[in-house]
Amino acid sequence: VPVKSSNSIDGWDSVLSILQMPGGVPVATVALNGAKNAGILAAQIIG
């Protein structure tokens, strides 16, 4: 979950840092401040 923080570059630094993972190290990435969708996705994985 990329979080728009006080030291952020409009949140883009967080989004790109989480999104641009190298091959072999996947991270499912939701929208900026998208924690609700992260919770739903986790529930779907469990479901």
ModelCIF file with pLDDT and N, C-alpha, C, O atoms, coordinates in Angstrom:
data_MODEL
#
_entry.id   MODEL 
#
_entity.id                         1 
_entity.type                       polymer 
_entity.pdbx_number_of_molecules   1 
#
_entity_poly.entity_id                      1 
_entity_poly.type                           'polypeptide(L)' 
_entity_poly.nstd_linkage                   no 
_entity_poly.nstd_monomer                   no 
_entity_poly.pdbx_seq_one_letter_code       VPVKSSNSIDGWDSVLSILQMPGGVPVATVALNGAKNAGILAAQIIG 
_entity_poly.pdbx_seq_one_letter_code_can   VPVKSSNSIDGWDSVLSILQMPGGVPVATVALNGAKNAGILAAQIIG 
_entity_poly.pdbx_strand_id                 A 
#
loop_
_entity_poly_seq.entity_id 
_entity_poly_seq.num 
_entity_poly_seq.mon_id 
_entity_poly_seq.hetero 
1 1  VAL n 
1 2  PRO n 
1 3  VAL n 
1 4  LYS n 
1 5  SER n 
1 6  SER n 
1 7  ASN n 
1 8  SER n 
1 9  ILE n 
1 10 ASP n 
1 11 GLY n 
1 12 TRP n 
1 13 ASP n 
1 14 SER n 
1 15 VAL n 
1 16 LEU n 
1 17 SER n 
1 18 ILE n 
1 19 LEU n 
1 20 GLN n 
1 21 MET n 
1 22 PRO n 
1 23 GLY n 
1 24 GLY n 
1 25 VAL n 
1 26 PRO n 
1 27 VAL n 
1 28 ALA n 
1 29 THR n 
1 30 VAL n 
1 31 ALA n 
1 32 LEU n 
1 33 ASN n 
1 34 GLY n 
1 35 ALA n 
1 36 LYS n 
1 37 ASN n 
1 38 ALA n 
1 39 GLY n 
1 40 ILE n 
1 41 LEU n 
1 42 ALA n 
1 43 ALA n 
1 44 GLN n 
1 45 ILE n 
1 46 ILE n 
1 47 GLY n 
#
_struct_asym.id          A 
_struct_asym.entity_id   1 
#
loop_
_ma_qa_metric.id 
_ma_qa_metric.mode 
_ma_qa_metric.name 
_ma_qa_metric.software_group_id 
_ma_qa_metric.type 
1 global pLDDT . pLDDT 
2 local  pLDDT . pLDDT 
#
_ma_qa_metric_global.metric_id      1 
_ma_qa_metric_global.metric_value   94.53 
_ma_qa_metric_global.model_id       1 
_ma_qa_metric_global.ordinal_id     1 
#
loop_
_ma_qa_metric_local.label_asym_id 
_ma_qa_metric_local.label_comp_id 
_ma_qa_metric_local.label_seq_id 
_ma_qa_metric_local.metric_id 
_ma_qa_metric_local.metric_value 
_ma_qa_metric_local.model_id 
_ma_qa_metric_local.ordinal_id 
A VAL 1  2 98.00 1 1  
A PRO 2  2 97.00 1 2  
A VAL 3  2 96.00 1 3  
A LYS 4  2 94.00 1 4  
A SER 5  2 86.00 1 5  
A SER 6  2 82.00 1 6  
A ASN 7  2 80.00 1 7  
A SER 8  2 78.00 1 8  
A ILE 9  2 84.00 1 9  
A ASP 10 2 86.00 1 10 
A GLY 11 2 89.00 1 11 
A TRP 12 2 91.00 1 12 
A ASP 13 2 93.00 1 13 
A SER 14 2 94.00 1 14 
A VAL 15 2 95.00 1 15 
A LEU 16 2 94.00 1 16 
A SER 17 2 93.00 1 17 
A ILE 18 2 95.00 1 18 
A LEU 19 2 94.00 1 19 
A GLN 20 2 94.00 1 20 
A MET 21 2 95.00 1 21 
A PRO 22 2 95.00 1 22 
A GLY 23 2 96.00 1 23 
A GLY 24 2 97.00 1 24 
A VAL 25 2 97.00 1 25 
A PRO 26 2 97.00 1 26 
A VAL 27 2 98.00 1 27 
A ALA 28 2 98.00 1 28 
A THR 29 2 97.00 1 29 
A VAL 30 2 98.00 1 30 
A ALA 31 2 97.00 1 31 
A LEU 32 2 96.00 1 32 
A ASN 33 2 97.00 1 33 
A GLY 34 2 98.00 1 34 
A ALA 35 2 98.00 1 35 
A LYS 36 2 98.00 1 36 
A ASN 37 2 98.00 1 37 
A ALA 38 2 98.00 1 38 
A GLY 39 2 98.00 1 39 
A ILE 40 2 98.00 1 40 
A LEU 41 2 98.00 1 41 
A ALA 42 2 98.00 1 42 
A ALA 43 2 98.00 1 43 
A GLN 44 2 98.00 1 44 
A ILE 45 2 98.00 1 45 
A ILE 46 2 98.00 1 46 
A GLY 47 2 98.00 1 47 
#
loop_
_atom_site.group_PDB 
_atom_site.id 
_atom_site.type_symbol 
_atom_site.label_atom_id 
_atom_site.label_alt_id 
_atom_site.label_comp_id 
_atom_site.label_asym_id 
_atom_site.label_entity_id 
_atom_site.label_seq_id 
_atom_site.pdbx_PDB_ins_code 
_atom_site.Cartn_x 
_atom_site.Cartn_y 
_atom_site.Cartn_z 
_atom_site.occupancy 
_atom_site.B_iso_or_equiv 
_atom_site.pdbx_formal_charge 
_atom_site.auth_seq_id 
_atom_site.auth_comp_id 
_atom_site.auth_asym_id 
_atom_site.auth_atom_id 
_atom_site.pdbx_PDB_model_num 
ATOM 1   N N  . VAL A 1 1  ? 0.857   -1.180  0.000   1.00 98.00 ? 1  VAL A N  1 
ATOM 2   C CA . VAL A 1 1  ? 0.000   0.000   0.000   1.00 98.00 ? 1  VAL A CA 1 
ATOM 3   C C  . VAL A 1 1  ? 0.896   1.235   0.000   1.00 98.00 ? 1  VAL A C  1 
ATOM 4   O O  . VAL A 1 1  ? 1.512   1.552   1.018   1.00 98.00 ? 1  VAL A O  1 
ATOM 5   N N  . PRO A 1 2  ? 0.974   1.934   -1.132  1.00 97.00 ? 2  PRO A N  1 
ATOM 6   C CA . PRO A 1 2  ? 1.727   3.185   -1.138  1.00 97.00 ? 2  PRO A CA 1 
ATOM 7   C C  . PRO A 1 2  ? 0.962   4.244   -0.343  1.00 97.00 ? 2  PRO A C  1 
ATOM 8   O O  . PRO A 1 2  ? -0.226  4.470   -0.573  1.00 97.00 ? 2  PRO A O  1 
ATOM 9   N N  . VAL A 1 3  ? 1.657   4.884   0.588   1.00 96.00 ? 3  VAL A N  1 
ATOM 10  C CA . VAL A 1 3  ? 1.030   5.878   1.456   1.00 96.00 ? 3  VAL A CA 1 
ATOM 11  C C  . VAL A 1 3  ? 1.591   7.258   1.104   1.00 96.00 ? 3  VAL A C  1 
ATOM 12  O O  . VAL A 1 3  ? 2.804   7.455   1.038   1.00 96.00 ? 3  VAL A O  1 
ATOM 13  N N  . LYS A 1 4  ? 0.694   8.189   0.883   1.00 94.00 ? 4  LYS A N  1 
ATOM 14  C CA . LYS A 1 4  ? 1.134   9.565   0.613   1.00 94.00 ? 4  LYS A CA 1 
ATOM 15  C C  . LYS A 1 4  ? 1.521   10.186  1.948   1.00 94.00 ? 4  LYS A C  1 
ATOM 16  O O  . LYS A 1 4  ? 0.662   10.501  2.773   1.00 94.00 ? 4  LYS A O  1 
ATOM 17  N N  . SER A 1 5  ? 2.802   10.355  2.146   1.00 86.00 ? 5  SER A N  1 
ATOM 18  C CA . SER A 1 5  ? 3.308   10.863  3.419   1.00 86.00 ? 5  SER A CA 1 
ATOM 19  C C  . SER A 1 5  ? 3.742   12.318  3.283   1.00 86.00 ? 5  SER A C  1 
ATOM 20  O O  . SER A 1 5  ? 3.775   12.873  2.185   1.00 86.00 ? 5  SER A O  1 
ATOM 21  N N  . SER A 1 6  ? 4.071   12.916  4.409   1.00 82.00 ? 6  SER A N  1 
ATOM 22  C CA . SER A 1 6  ? 4.449   14.333  4.427   1.00 82.00 ? 6  SER A CA 1 
ATOM 23  C C  . SER A 1 6  ? 5.743   14.593  3.663   1.00 82.00 ? 6  SER A C  1 
ATOM 24  O O  . SER A 1 6  ? 5.947   15.697  3.156   1.00 82.00 ? 6  SER A O  1 
ATOM 25  N N  . ASN A 1 7  ? 6.612   13.604  3.573   1.00 80.00 ? 7  ASN A N  1 
ATOM 26  C CA . ASN A 1 7  ? 7.874   13.785  2.847   1.00 80.00 ? 7  ASN A CA 1 
ATOM 27  C C  . ASN A 1 7  ? 7.817   13.199  1.442   1.00 80.00 ? 7  ASN A C  1 
ATOM 28  O O  . ASN A 1 7  ? 8.848   12.948  0.818   1.00 80.00 ? 7  ASN A O  1 
ATOM 29  N N  . SER A 1 8  ? 6.603   12.987  0.956   1.00 78.00 ? 8  SER A N  1 
ATOM 30  C CA . SER A 1 8  ? 6.398   12.323  -0.323  1.00 78.00 ? 8  SER A CA 1 
ATOM 31  C C  . SER A 1 8  ? 6.426   13.305  -1.486  1.00 78.00 ? 8  SER A C  1 
ATOM 32  O O  . SER A 1 8  ? 6.190   14.501  -1.317  1.00 78.00 ? 8  SER A O  1 
ATOM 33  N N  . ILE A 1 9  ? 6.719   12.777  -2.666  1.00 84.00 ? 9  ILE A N  1 
ATOM 34  C CA . ILE A 1 9  ? 6.647   13.547  -3.903  1.00 84.00 ? 9  ILE A CA 1 
ATOM 35  C C  . ILE A 1 9  ? 5.268   13.274  -4.492  1.00 84.00 ? 9  ILE A C  1 
ATOM 36  O O  . ILE A 1 9  ? 5.136   12.571  -5.494  1.00 84.00 ? 9  ILE A O  1 
ATOM 37  N N  . ASP A 1 10 ? 4.239   13.841  -3.854  1.00 86.00 ? 10 ASP A N  1 
ATOM 38  C CA . ASP A 1 10 ? 2.848   13.664  -4.259  1.00 86.00 ? 10 ASP A CA 1 
ATOM 39  C C  . ASP A 1 10 ? 2.425   12.197  -4.266  1.00 86.00 ? 10 ASP A C  1 
ATOM 40  O O  . ASP A 1 10 ? 1.439   11.847  -4.914  1.00 86.00 ? 10 ASP A O  1 
ATOM 41  N N  . GLY A 1 11 ? 3.142   11.348  -3.567  1.00 89.00 ? 11 GLY A N  1 
ATOM 42  C CA . GLY A 1 11 ? 2.817   9.931   -3.489  1.00 89.00 ? 11 GLY A CA 1 
ATOM 43  C C  . GLY A 1 11 ? 3.430   9.078   -4.585  1.00 89.00 ? 11 GLY A C  1 
ATOM 44  O O  . GLY A 1 11 ? 3.458   7.852   -4.476  1.00 89.00 ? 11 GLY A O  1 
ATOM 45  N N  . TRP A 1 12 ? 3.922   9.718   -5.644  1.00 91.00 ? 12 TRP A N  1 
ATOM 46  C CA . TRP A 1 12 ? 4.473   8.954   -6.762  1.00 91.00 ? 12 TRP A CA 1 
ATOM 47  C C  . TRP A 1 12 ? 5.713   8.155   -6.374  1.00 91.00 ? 12 TRP A C  1 
ATOM 48  O O  . TRP A 1 12 ? 5.921   7.051   -6.877  1.00 91.00 ? 12 TRP A O  1 
ATOM 49  N N  . ASP A 1 13 ? 6.529   8.700   -5.493  1.00 93.00 ? 13 ASP A N  1 
ATOM 50  C CA . ASP A 1 13 ? 7.720   7.963   -5.065  1.00 93.00 ? 13 ASP A CA 1 
ATOM 51  C C  . ASP A 1 13 ? 7.327   6.648   -4.408  1.00 93.00 ? 13 ASP A C  1 
ATOM 52  O O  . ASP A 1 13 ? 7.957   5.618   -4.650  1.00 93.00 ? 13 ASP A O  1 
ATOM 53  N N  . SER A 1 14 ? 6.297   6.679   -3.585  1.00 94.00 ? 14 SER A N  1 
ATOM 54  C CA . SER A 1 14 ? 5.827   5.464   -2.917  1.00 94.00 ? 14 SER A CA 1 
ATOM 55  C C  . SER A 1 14 ? 5.223   4.478   -3.909  1.00 94.00 ? 14 SER A C  1 
ATOM 56  O O  . SER A 1 14 ? 5.520   3.284   -3.868  1.00 94.00 ? 14 SER A O  1 
ATOM 57  N N  . VAL A 1 15 ? 4.374   4.982   -4.799  1.00 95.00 ? 15 VAL A N  1 
ATOM 58  C CA . VAL A 1 15 ? 3.740   4.118   -5.798  1.00 95.00 ? 15 VAL A CA 1 
ATOM 59  C C  . VAL A 1 15 ? 4.807   3.404   -6.625  1.00 95.00 ? 15 VAL A C  1 
ATOM 60  O O  . VAL A 1 15 ? 4.774   2.181   -6.760  1.00 95.00 ? 15 VAL A O  1 
ATOM 61  N N  . LEU A 1 16 ? 5.744   4.156   -7.173  1.00 94.00 ? 16 LEU A N  1 
ATOM 62  C CA . LEU A 1 16 ? 6.750   3.557   -8.055  1.00 94.00 ? 16 LEU A CA 1 
ATOM 63  C C  . LEU A 1 16 ? 7.699   2.632   -7.310  1.00 94.00 ? 16 LEU A C  1 
ATOM 64  O O  . LEU A 1 16 ? 8.122   1.610   -7.851  1.00 94.00 ? 16 LEU A O  1 
ATOM 65  N N  . SER A 1 17 ? 8.036   2.979   -6.077  1.00 93.00 ? 17 SER A N  1 
ATOM 66  C CA . SER A 1 17 ? 8.925   2.130   -5.294  1.00 93.00 ? 17 SER A CA 1 
ATOM 67  C C  . SER A 1 17 ? 8.315   0.751   -5.062  1.00 93.00 ? 17 SER A C  1 
ATOM 68  O O  . SER A 1 17 ? 9.014   -0.261  -5.119  1.00 93.00 ? 17 SER A O  1 
ATOM 69  N N  . ILE A 1 18 ? 7.015   0.715   -4.803  1.00 95.00 ? 18 ILE A N  1 
ATOM 70  C CA . ILE A 1 18 ? 6.349   -0.561  -4.534  1.00 95.00 ? 18 ILE A CA 1 
ATOM 71  C C  . ILE A 1 18 ? 6.009   -1.285  -5.838  1.00 95.00 ? 18 ILE A C  1 
ATOM 72  O O  . ILE A 1 18 ? 6.082   -2.512  -5.908  1.00 95.00 ? 18 ILE A O  1 
ATOM 73  N N  . LEU A 1 19 ? 5.644   -0.539  -6.850  1.00 94.00 ? 19 LEU A N  1 
ATOM 74  C CA . LEU A 1 19 ? 5.213   -1.108  -8.119  1.00 94.00 ? 19 LEU A CA 1 
ATOM 75  C C  . LEU A 1 19 ? 6.352   -1.728  -8.926  1.00 94.00 ? 19 LEU A C  1 
ATOM 76  O O  . LEU A 1 19 ? 6.168   -2.771  -9.554  1.00 94.00 ? 19 LEU A O  1 
ATOM 77  N N  . GLN A 1 20 ? 7.507   -1.107  -8.914  1.00 94.00 ? 20 GLN A N  1 
ATOM 78  C CA . GLN A 1 20 ? 8.606   -1.495  -9.803  1.00 94.00 ? 20 GLN A CA 1 
ATOM 79  C C  . GLN A 1 20 ? 9.538   -2.530  -9.172  1.00 94.00 ? 20 GLN A C  1 
ATOM 80  O O  . GLN A 1 20 ? 10.738  -2.290  -9.034  1.00 94.00 ? 20 GLN A O  1 
ATOM 81  N N  . MET A 1 21 ? 8.983   -3.675  -8.792  1.00 95.00 ? 21 MET A N  1 
ATOM 82  C CA . MET A 1 21 ? 9.791   -4.724  -8.185  1.00 95.00 ? 21 MET A CA 1 
ATOM 83  C C  . MET A 1 21 ? 10.486  -5.551  -9.264  1.00 95.00 ? 21 MET A C  1 
ATOM 84  O O  . MET A 1 21 ? 9.947   -5.734  -10.356 1.00 95.00 ? 21 MET A O  1 
ATOM 85  N N  . PRO A 1 22 ? 11.681  -6.049  -8.957  1.00 95.00 ? 22 PRO A N  1 
ATOM 86  C CA . PRO A 1 22 ? 12.390  -6.873  -9.941  1.00 95.00 ? 22 PRO A CA 1 
ATOM 87  C C  . PRO A 1 22 ? 11.734  -8.240  -10.086 1.00 95.00 ? 22 PRO A C  1 
ATOM 88  O O  . PRO A 1 22 ? 11.028  -8.705  -9.191  1.00 95.00 ? 22 PRO A O  1 
ATOM 89  N N  . GLY A 1 23 ? 11.980  -8.874  -11.226 1.00 96.00 ? 23 GLY A N  1 
ATOM 90  C CA . GLY A 1 23 ? 11.463  -10.211 -11.465 1.00 96.00 ? 23 GLY A CA 1 
ATOM 91  C C  . GLY A 1 23 ? 11.853  -11.160 -10.346 1.00 96.00 ? 23 GLY A C  1 
ATOM 92  O O  . GLY A 1 23 ? 12.999  -11.168 -9.898  1.00 96.00 ? 23 GLY A O  1 
ATOM 93  N N  . GLY A 1 24 ? 10.904  -11.953 -9.902  1.00 97.00 ? 24 GLY A N  1 
ATOM 94  C CA . GLY A 1 24 ? 11.167  -12.920 -8.840  1.00 97.00 ? 24 GLY A CA 1 
ATOM 95  C C  . GLY A 1 24 ? 10.762  -12.442 -7.458  1.00 97.00 ? 24 GLY A C  1 
ATOM 96  O O  . GLY A 1 24 ? 10.722  -13.231 -6.514  1.00 97.00 ? 24 GLY A O  1 
ATOM 97  N N  . VAL A 1 25 ? 10.462  -11.152 -7.330  1.00 97.00 ? 25 VAL A N  1 
ATOM 98  C CA . VAL A 1 25 ? 10.070  -10.595 -6.027  1.00 97.00 ? 25 VAL A CA 1 
ATOM 99  C C  . VAL A 1 25 ? 8.777   -9.791  -6.218  1.00 97.00 ? 25 VAL A C  1 
ATOM 100 O O  . VAL A 1 25 ? 8.796   -8.561  -6.183  1.00 97.00 ? 25 VAL A O  1 
ATOM 101 N N  . PRO A 1 26 ? 7.648   -10.497 -6.420  1.00 97.00 ? 26 PRO A N  1 
ATOM 102 C CA . PRO A 1 26 ? 6.403   -9.778  -6.679  1.00 97.00 ? 26 PRO A CA 1 
ATOM 103 C C  . PRO A 1 26 ? 5.813   -9.126  -5.433  1.00 97.00 ? 26 PRO A C  1 
ATOM 104 O O  . PRO A 1 26 ? 5.889   -9.662  -4.328  1.00 97.00 ? 26 PRO A O  1 
ATOM 105 N N  . VAL A 1 27 ? 5.230   -7.962  -5.646  1.00 98.00 ? 27 VAL A N  1 
ATOM 106 C CA . VAL A 1 27 ? 4.415   -7.300  -4.634  1.00 98.00 ? 27 VAL A CA 1 
ATOM 107 C C  . VAL A 1 27 ? 3.148   -6.842  -5.351  1.00 98.00 ? 27 VAL A C  1 
ATOM 108 O O  . VAL A 1 27 ? 3.216   -6.043  -6.285  1.00 98.00 ? 27 VAL A O  1 
ATOM 109 N N  . ALA A 1 28 ? 2.005   -7.340  -4.921  1.00 98.00 ? 28 ALA A N  1 
ATOM 110 C CA . ALA A 1 28 ? 0.742   -6.837  -5.463  1.00 98.00 ? 28 ALA A CA 1 
ATOM 111 C C  . ALA A 1 28 ? 0.580   -5.423  -4.938  1.00 98.00 ? 28 ALA A C  1 
ATOM 112 O O  . ALA A 1 28 ? 0.677   -5.196  -3.732  1.00 98.00 ? 28 ALA A O  1 
ATOM 113 N N  . THR A 1 29 ? 0.336   -4.476  -5.817  1.00 97.00 ? 29 THR A N  1 
ATOM 114 C CA . THR A 1 29 ? 0.297   -3.069  -5.414  1.00 97.00 ? 29 THR A CA 1 
ATOM 115 C C  . THR A 1 29 ? -1.080  -2.488  -5.671  1.00 97.00 ? 29 THR A C  1 
ATOM 116 O O  . THR A 1 29 ? -1.636  -2.635  -6.760  1.00 97.00 ? 29 THR A O  1 
ATOM 117 N N  . VAL A 1 30 ? -1.624  -1.827  -4.660  1.00 98.00 ? 30 VAL A N  1 
ATOM 118 C CA . VAL A 1 30 ? -2.913  -1.151  -4.796  1.00 98.00 ? 30 VAL A CA 1 
ATOM 119 C C  . VAL A 1 30 ? -2.667  0.346   -4.985  1.00 98.00 ? 30 VAL A C  1 
ATOM 120 O O  . VAL A 1 30 ? -1.525  0.805   -4.955  1.00 98.00 ? 30 VAL A O  1 
ATOM 121 N N  . ALA A 1 31 ? -3.730  1.084   -5.175  1.00 97.00 ? 31 ALA A N  1 
ATOM 122 C CA . ALA A 1 31 ? -3.640  2.523   -5.414  1.00 97.00 ? 31 ALA A CA 1 
ATOM 123 C C  . ALA A 1 31 ? -3.069  3.267   -4.207  1.00 97.00 ? 31 ALA A C  1 
ATOM 124 O O  . ALA A 1 31 ? -3.045  2.750   -3.090  1.00 97.00 ? 31 ALA A O  1 
ATOM 125 N N  . LEU A 1 32 ? -2.622  4.463   -4.455  1.00 96.00 ? 32 LEU A N  1 
ATOM 126 C CA . LEU A 1 32 ? -2.139  5.346   -3.394  1.00 96.00 ? 32 LEU A CA 1 
ATOM 127 C C  . LEU A 1 32 ? -3.209  5.447   -2.303  1.00 96.00 ? 32 LEU A C  1 
ATOM 128 O O  . LEU A 1 32 ? -4.360  5.784   -2.581  1.00 96.00 ? 32 LEU A O  1 
ATOM 129 N N  . ASN A 1 33 ? -2.819  5.155   -1.071  1.00 97.00 ? 33 ASN A N  1 
ATOM 130 C CA . ASN A 1 33 ? -3.720  5.147   0.095   1.00 97.00 ? 33 ASN A CA 1 
ATOM 131 C C  . ASN A 1 33 ? -4.853  4.127   -0.053  1.00 97.00 ? 33 ASN A C  1 
ATOM 132 O O  . ASN A 1 33 ? -5.905  4.280   0.567   1.00 97.00 ? 33 ASN A O  1 
ATOM 133 N N  . GLY A 1 34 ? -4.648  3.092   -0.866  1.00 98.00 ? 34 GLY A N  1 
ATOM 134 C CA . GLY A 1 34 ? -5.692  2.114   -1.168  1.00 98.00 ? 34 GLY A CA 1 
ATOM 135 C C  . GLY A 1 34 ? -5.733  0.928   -0.223  1.00 98.00 ? 34 GLY A C  1 
ATOM 136 O O  . GLY A 1 34 ? -5.859  -0.211  -0.673  1.00 98.00 ? 34 GLY A O  1 
ATOM 137 N N  . ALA A 1 35 ? -5.629  1.166   1.064   1.00 98.00 ? 35 ALA A N  1 
ATOM 138 C CA . ALA A 1 35 ? -5.576  0.071   2.032   1.00 98.00 ? 35 ALA A CA 1 
ATOM 139 C C  . ALA A 1 35 ? -6.858  -0.761  2.058   1.00 98.00 ? 35 ALA A C  1 
ATOM 140 O O  . ALA A 1 35 ? -6.805  -1.965  2.311   1.00 98.00 ? 35 ALA A O  1 
ATOM 141 N N  . LYS A 1 36 ? -8.001  -0.141  1.801   1.00 98.00 ? 36 LYS A N  1 
ATOM 142 C CA . LYS A 1 36 ? -9.247  -0.909  1.783   1.00 98.00 ? 36 LYS A CA 1 
ATOM 143 C C  . LYS A 1 36 ? -9.164  -2.002  0.726   1.00 98.00 ? 36 LYS A C  1 
ATOM 144 O O  . LYS A 1 36 ? -9.516  -3.151  0.996   1.00 98.00 ? 36 LYS A O  1 
ATOM 145 N N  . ASN A 1 37 ? -8.701  -1.658  -0.481  1.00 98.00 ? 37 ASN A N  1 
ATOM 146 C CA . ASN A 1 37 ? -8.564  -2.668  -1.531  1.00 98.00 ? 37 ASN A CA 1 
ATOM 147 C C  . ASN A 1 37 ? -7.524  -3.718  -1.160  1.00 98.00 ? 37 ASN A C  1 
ATOM 148 O O  . ASN A 1 37 ? -7.665  -4.882  -1.535  1.00 98.00 ? 37 ASN A O  1 
ATOM 149 N N  . ALA A 1 38 ? -6.488  -3.328  -0.436  1.00 98.00 ? 38 ALA A N  1 
ATOM 150 C CA . ALA A 1 38 ? -5.502  -4.314  0.015   1.00 98.00 ? 38 ALA A CA 1 
ATOM 151 C C  . ALA A 1 38 ? -6.158  -5.331  0.942   1.00 98.00 ? 38 ALA A C  1 
ATOM 152 O O  . ALA A 1 38 ? -5.880  -6.527  0.855   1.00 98.00 ? 38 ALA A O  1 
ATOM 153 N N  . GLY A 1 39 ? -7.023  -4.857  1.823   1.00 98.00 ? 39 GLY A N  1 
ATOM 154 C CA . GLY A 1 39 ? -7.733  -5.756  2.722   1.00 98.00 ? 39 GLY A CA 1 
ATOM 155 C C  . GLY A 1 39 ? -8.661  -6.688  1.969   1.00 98.00 ? 39 GLY A C  1 
ATOM 156 O O  . GLY A 1 39 ? -8.744  -7.877  2.278   1.00 98.00 ? 39 GLY A O  1 
ATOM 157 N N  . ILE A 1 40 ? -9.362  -6.147  0.977   1.00 98.00 ? 40 ILE A N  1 
ATOM 158 C CA . ILE A 1 40 ? -10.258 -6.978  0.171   1.00 98.00 ? 40 ILE A CA 1 
ATOM 159 C C  . ILE A 1 40 ? -9.453  -8.020  -0.608  1.00 98.00 ? 40 ILE A C  1 
ATOM 160 O O  . ILE A 1 40 ? -9.842  -9.187  -0.665  1.00 98.00 ? 40 ILE A O  1 
ATOM 161 N N  . LEU A 1 41 ? -8.342  -7.607  -1.204  1.00 98.00 ? 41 LEU A N  1 
ATOM 162 C CA . LEU A 1 41 ? -7.509  -8.557  -1.948  1.00 98.00 ? 41 LEU A CA 1 
ATOM 163 C C  . LEU A 1 41 ? -6.969  -9.653  -1.037  1.00 98.00 ? 41 LEU A C  1 
ATOM 164 O O  . LEU A 1 41 ? -6.949  -10.822 -1.423  1.00 98.00 ? 41 LEU A O  1 
ATOM 165 N N  . ALA A 1 42 ? -6.535  -9.294  0.156   1.00 98.00 ? 42 ALA A N  1 
ATOM 166 C CA . ALA A 1 42 ? -6.059  -10.307 1.112   1.00 98.00 ? 42 ALA A CA 1 
ATOM 167 C C  . ALA A 1 42 ? -7.182  -11.295 1.437   1.00 98.00 ? 42 ALA A C  1 
ATOM 168 O O  . ALA A 1 42 ? -6.954  -12.503 1.495   1.00 98.00 ? 42 ALA A O  1 
ATOM 169 N N  . ALA A 1 43 ? -8.391  -10.776 1.648   1.00 98.00 ? 43 ALA A N  1 
ATOM 170 C CA . ALA A 1 43 ? -9.538  -11.651 1.925   1.00 98.00 ? 43 ALA A CA 1 
ATOM 171 C C  . ALA A 1 43 ? -9.826  -12.557 0.736   1.00 98.00 ? 43 ALA A C  1 
ATOM 172 O O  . ALA A 1 43 ? -10.159 -13.728 0.922   1.00 98.00 ? 43 ALA A O  1 
ATOM 173 N N  . GLN A 1 44 ? -9.702  -12.035 -0.487  1.00 98.00 ? 44 GLN A N  1 
ATOM 174 C CA . GLN A 1 44 ? -9.935  -12.864 -1.671  1.00 98.00 ? 44 GLN A CA 1 
ATOM 175 C C  . GLN A 1 44 ? -8.890  -13.966 -1.795  1.00 98.00 ? 44 GLN A C  1 
ATOM 176 O O  . GLN A 1 44 ? -9.209  -15.088 -2.191  1.00 98.00 ? 44 GLN A O  1 
ATOM 177 N N  . ILE A 1 45 ? -7.651  -13.649 -1.460  1.00 98.00 ? 45 ILE A N  1 
ATOM 178 C CA . ILE A 1 45 ? -6.595  -14.675 -1.481  1.00 98.00 ? 45 ILE A CA 1 
ATOM 179 C C  . ILE A 1 45 ? -6.952  -15.780 -0.485  1.00 98.00 ? 45 ILE A C  1 
ATOM 180 O O  . ILE A 1 45 ? -6.863  -16.964 -0.808  1.00 98.00 ? 45 ILE A O  1 
ATOM 181 N N  . ILE A 1 46 ? -7.348  -15.395 0.707   1.00 98.00 ? 46 ILE A N  1 
ATOM 182 C CA . ILE A 1 46 ? -7.735  -16.376 1.726   1.00 98.00 ? 46 ILE A CA 1 
ATOM 183 C C  . ILE A 1 46 ? -8.998  -17.119 1.287   1.00 98.00 ? 46 ILE A C  1 
ATOM 184 O O  . ILE A 1 46 ? -9.119  -18.328 1.485   1.00 98.00 ? 46 ILE A O  1 
ATOM 185 N N  . GLY A 1 47 ? -9.929  -16.385 0.691   1.00 98.00 ? 47 GLY A N  1 
ATOM 186 C CA . GLY A 1 47 ? -11.187 -16.973 0.246   1.00 98.00 ? 47 GLY A CA 1 
ATOM 187 C C  . GLY A 1 47 ? -11.026 -18.021 -0.843  1.00 98.00 ? 47 GLY A C  1 
ATOM 188 O O  . GLY A 1 47 ? -12.016 -18.591 -1.302  1.00 98.00 ? 47 GLY A O  1 
#
